[in-house]
Amino acid sequence: MCDREERVMNDESAKPESRPIAALTYLLGFVTGILLLYIEPYNQDEFVRFHARQSIGFSVVWIAILVVFGVFISVLPHALGAVLAIVEGLINLGLAIFWLFLMYKAYMGERYRIPELADVVDNVSRSFGA
């Protein structure tokens, strides 16, 4: 891959002042994502809007995973529930590391797209006009 293509993929055209704000969209999950999606002047910055939408989608998926695991842990027998709780803890650890990775990518000015989730988020945001 040539250097020009890599720059376009990484979106190094993101304004330096937008980078920390884009990273902050992930800080409190969907809360900061929604806030920064609608607060002036950040709602005009496409780089911040991209990360805010992705933060909302990532948070919703994480919460859905927690709810599903919580339901299964509570209804399964204690031994299976304990094993599932350990698996849930490992998944949470992995998601927390990925969350930090997303913040890092946003801070570095990269428009990192989460596979599959980014397409869903794009479709939902187009239907809401966000």
C-alpha atoms as a PDB file:
ATOM      1  CA  MET A   1       0.000   0.000   0.000  1.00  0.00           C
ATOM      2  CA  CYS A   2       1.427   3.365  -0.918  1.00  0.00           C
ATOM      3  CA  ASP A   3       1.886   6.189   1.565  1.00  0.00           C
ATOM      4  CA  ARG A   4      -0.910   8.264  -0.027  1.00  0.00           C
ATOM      5  CA  GLU A   5      -3.476   5.470   0.368  1.00  0.00           C
ATOM      6  CA  GLU A   6      -2.440   4.935   3.977  1.00  0.00           C
ATOM      7  CA  ARG A   7      -2.913   8.637   4.755  1.00  0.00           C
ATOM      8  CA  VAL A   8      -6.384   8.628   3.214  1.00  0.00           C
ATOM      9  CA  MET A   9      -7.357   5.468   5.116  1.00  0.00           C
ATOM     10  CA  ASN A  10      -6.077   6.885   8.387  1.00  0.00           C
ATOM     11  CA  ASP A  11      -7.743  10.241   7.707  1.00  0.00           C
ATOM     12  CA  GLU A  12      -4.753  12.343   8.666  1.00  0.00           C
ATOM     13  CA  SER A  13      -6.766  15.315   7.438  1.00  0.00           C
ATOM     14  CA  ALA A  14      -8.573  15.379  10.802  1.00  0.00           C
ATOM     15  CA  LYS A  15      -8.024  18.735  12.440  1.00  0.00           C
ATOM     16  CA  PRO A  16      -5.637  18.500  15.411  1.00  0.00           C
ATOM     17  CA  GLU A  17      -8.183  20.159  17.715  1.00  0.00           C
ATOM     18  CA  SER A  18     -10.782  17.519  16.757  1.00  0.00           C
ATOM     19  CA  ARG A  19      -8.668  14.567  17.805  1.00  0.00           C
ATOM     20  CA  PRO A  20      -8.984  14.814  21.607  1.00  0.00           C
ATOM     21  CA  ILE A  21     -12.701  15.560  21.279  1.00  0.00           C
ATOM     22  CA  ALA A  22     -13.138  12.491  19.064  1.00  0.00           C
ATOM     23  CA  ALA A  23     -11.368  10.391  21.709  1.00  0.00           C
ATOM     24  CA  LEU A  24     -13.670  11.845  24.383  1.00  0.00           C
ATOM     25  CA  THR A  25     -16.721  10.561  22.501  1.00  0.00           C
ATOM     26  CA  TYR A  26     -15.806   7.101  23.798  1.00  0.00           C
ATOM     27  CA  LEU A  27     -15.164   8.176  27.407  1.00  0.00           C
ATOM     28  CA  LEU A  28     -18.651   7.632  28.856  1.00  0.00           C
ATOM     29  CA  GLY A  29     -19.967   5.478  26.055  1.00  0.00           C
ATOM     30  CA  PHE A  30     -23.221   6.484  24.471  1.00  0.00           C
ATOM     31  CA  VAL A  31     -23.635   9.440  26.855  1.00  0.00           C
ATOM     32  CA  THR A  32     -20.627  11.374  25.541  1.00  0.00           C
ATOM     33  CA  GLY A  33     -21.355  10.075  22.054  1.00  0.00           C
ATOM     34  CA  ILE A  34     -24.834  11.600  22.078  1.00  0.00           C
ATOM     35  CA  LEU A  35     -23.680  14.820  23.749  1.00  0.00           C
ATOM     36  CA  LEU A  36     -20.861  15.463  21.301  1.00  0.00           C
ATOM     37  CA  LEU A  37     -23.088  14.532  18.373  1.00  0.00           C
ATOM     38  CA  TYR A  38     -25.325  17.508  19.165  1.00  0.00           C
ATOM     39  CA  ILE A  39     -23.102  20.086  20.938  1.00  0.00           C
ATOM     40  CA  GLU A  40     -21.892  23.029  18.853  1.00  0.00           C
ATOM     41  CA  PRO A  41     -19.312  23.292  17.192  1.00  0.00           C
ATOM     42  CA  TYR A  42     -18.504  19.572  17.309  1.00  0.00           C
ATOM     43  CA  ASN A  43     -21.718  18.583  15.551  1.00  0.00           C
ATOM     44  CA  GLN A  44     -20.314  20.255  12.416  1.00  0.00           C
ATOM     45  CA  ASP A  45     -17.059  18.250  12.485  1.00  0.00           C
ATOM     46  CA  GLU A  46     -17.490  15.020  10.490  1.00  0.00           C
ATOM     47  CA  PHE A  47     -14.507  13.379  12.222  1.00  0.00           C
ATOM     48  CA  VAL A  48     -16.047  13.919  15.673  1.00  0.00           C
ATOM     49  CA  ARG A  49     -19.483  12.890  14.390  1.00  0.00           C
ATOM     50  CA  PHE A  50     -18.061   9.637  12.997  1.00  0.00           C
ATOM     51  CA  HIS A  51     -16.498   8.696  16.323  1.00  0.00           C
ATOM     52  CA  ALA A  52     -19.583   9.798  18.264  1.00  0.00           C
ATOM     53  CA  ARG A  53     -21.816   7.536  16.158  1.00  0.00           C
ATOM     54  CA  GLN A  54     -19.380   4.646  16.471  1.00  0.00           C
ATOM     55  CA  SER A  55     -19.150   5.203  20.243  1.00  0.00           C
ATOM     56  CA  ILE A  56     -22.922   4.981  20.540  1.00  0.00           C
ATOM     57  CA  GLY A  57     -23.004   1.758  18.514  1.00  0.00           C
ATOM     58  CA  PHE A  58     -20.131   0.199  20.464  1.00  0.00           C
ATOM     59  CA  SER A  59     -21.780   1.090  23.779  1.00  0.00           C
ATOM     60  CA  VAL A  60     -25.135  -0.361  22.732  1.00  0.00           C
ATOM     61  CA  VAL A  61     -23.476  -3.626  21.677  1.00  0.00           C
ATOM     62  CA  TRP A  62     -21.497  -3.796  24.934  1.00  0.00           C
ATOM     63  CA  ILE A  63     -24.635  -3.208  27.019  1.00  0.00           C
ATOM     64  CA  ALA A  64     -26.543  -5.827  25.005  1.00  0.00           C
ATOM     65  CA  ILE A  65     -23.771  -8.355  25.662  1.00  0.00           C
ATOM     66  CA  LEU A  66     -23.913  -7.569  29.398  1.00  0.00           C
ATOM     67  CA  VAL A  67     -27.695  -7.984  29.475  1.00  0.00           C
ATOM     68  CA  VAL A  68     -27.634 -11.312  27.617  1.00  0.00           C
ATOM     69  CA  PHE A  69     -24.892 -12.687  29.846  1.00  0.00           C
ATOM     70  CA  GLY A  70     -26.663 -11.379  32.949  1.00  0.00           C
ATOM     71  CA  VAL A  71     -29.886 -13.161  32.024  1.00  0.00           C
ATOM     72  CA  PHE A  72     -28.122 -16.457  31.314  1.00  0.00           C
ATOM     73  CA  ILE A  73     -26.005 -16.229  34.472  1.00  0.00           C
ATOM     74  CA  SER A  74     -29.101 -15.657  36.597  1.00  0.00           C
ATOM     75  CA  VAL A  75     -31.189 -18.508  35.147  1.00  0.00           C
ATOM     76  CA  LEU A  76     -28.530 -21.204  34.777  1.00  0.00           C
ATOM     77  CA  PRO A  77     -27.510 -23.484  37.632  1.00  0.00           C
ATOM     78  CA  HIS A  78     -24.809 -22.065  39.886  1.00  0.00           C
ATOM     79  CA  ALA A  79     -21.888 -24.015  38.385  1.00  0.00           C
ATOM     80  CA  LEU A  80     -22.749 -23.058  34.794  1.00  0.00           C
ATOM     81  CA  GLY A  81     -23.531 -19.516  35.866  1.00  0.00           C
ATOM     82  CA  ALA A  82     -20.120 -19.246  37.514  1.00  0.00           C
ATOM     83  CA  VAL A  83     -18.372 -20.446  34.357  1.00  0.00           C
ATOM     84  CA  LEU A  84     -20.397 -18.012  32.282  1.00  0.00           C
ATOM     85  CA  ALA A  85     -19.525 -15.217  34.730  1.00  0.00           C
ATOM     86  CA  ILE A  86     -15.834 -15.925  34.151  1.00  0.00           C
ATOM     87  CA  VAL A  87     -16.386 -15.844  30.386  1.00  0.00           C
ATOM     88  CA  GLU A  88     -18.290 -12.570  30.791  1.00  0.00           C
ATOM     89  CA  GLY A  89     -15.376 -11.123  32.753  1.00  0.00           C
ATOM     90  CA  LEU A  90     -12.935 -12.080  30.003  1.00  0.00           C
ATOM     91  CA  ILE A  91     -15.208 -10.585  27.352  1.00  0.00           C
ATOM     92  CA  ASN A  92     -15.492  -7.390  29.400  1.00  0.00           C
ATOM     93  CA  LEU A  93     -11.720  -7.223  29.673  1.00  0.00           C
ATOM     94  CA  GLY A  94     -11.386  -7.646  25.911  1.00  0.00           C
ATOM     95  CA  LEU A  95     -14.033  -5.002  25.237  1.00  0.00           C
ATOM     96  CA  ALA A  96     -12.362  -2.587  27.678  1.00  0.00           C
ATOM     97  CA  ILE A  97      -9.036  -3.025  25.897  1.00  0.00           C
ATOM     98  CA  PHE A  98     -10.753  -2.500  22.544  1.00  0.00           C
ATOM     99  CA  TRP A  99     -12.473   0.602  23.983  1.00  0.00           C
ATOM    100  CA  LEU A 100      -9.046   2.042  24.884  1.00  0.00           C
ATOM    101  CA  PHE A 101      -7.816   1.118  21.400  1.00  0.00           C
ATOM    102  CA  LEU A 102     -10.728   3.060  19.852  1.00  0.00           C
ATOM    103  CA  MET A 103      -9.927   6.090  22.001  1.00  0.00           C
ATOM    104  CA  TYR A 104      -6.272   5.871  20.960  1.00  0.00           C
ATOM    105  CA  LYS A 105      -7.159   5.624  17.259  1.00  0.00           C
ATOM    106  CA  ALA A 106      -9.454   8.649  17.535  1.00  0.00           C
ATOM    107  CA  TYR A 107      -6.779  10.628  19.389  1.00  0.00           C
ATOM    108  CA  MET A 108      -4.239   9.771  16.687  1.00  0.00           C
ATOM    109  CA  GLY A 109      -6.630  11.132  14.053  1.00  0.00           C
ATOM    110  CA  GLU A 110      -7.541   7.809  12.491  1.00  0.00           C
ATOM    111  CA  ARG A 111     -11.026   6.970  11.306  1.00  0.00           C
ATOM    112  CA  TYR A 112     -10.906   3.337  12.444  1.00  0.00           C
ATOM    113  CA  ARG A 113     -14.084   1.497  11.461  1.00  0.00           C
ATOM    114  CA  ILE A 114     -15.227  -1.421  13.595  1.00  0.00           C
ATOM    115  CA  PRO A 115     -15.935  -4.233  11.115  1.00  0.00           C
ATOM    116  CA  GLU A 116     -19.659  -4.895  10.605  1.00  0.00           C
ATOM    117  CA  LEU A 117     -20.685  -2.492  13.371  1.00  0.00           C
ATOM    118  CA  ALA A 118     -19.598   0.580  11.403  1.00  0.00           C
ATOM    119  CA  ASP A 119     -21.861  -0.385   8.492  1.00  0.00           C
ATOM    120  CA  VAL A 120     -24.834  -0.865  10.806  1.00  0.00           C
ATOM    121  CA  VAL A 121     -24.147   2.468  12.524  1.00  0.00           C
ATOM    122  CA  ASP A 122     -23.895   4.217   9.145  1.00  0.00           C
ATOM    123  CA  ASN A 123     -27.252   2.771   8.028  1.00  0.00           C
ATOM    124  CA  VAL A 124     -28.975   3.718  11.283  1.00  0.00           C
ATOM    125  CA  SER A 125     -27.535   7.235  11.255  1.00  0.00           C
ATOM    126  CA  ARG A 126     -28.704   7.748   7.663  1.00  0.00           C
ATOM    127  CA  SER A 127     -32.230   6.654   8.600  1.00  0.00           C
ATOM    128  CA  PHE A 128     -32.276   9.144  11.501  1.00  0.00           C
ATOM    129  CA  GLY A 129     -30.558  11.849   9.499  1.00  0.00           C
ATOM    130  CA  ALA A 130     -27.780  12.247  12.092  1.00  0.00           C
END
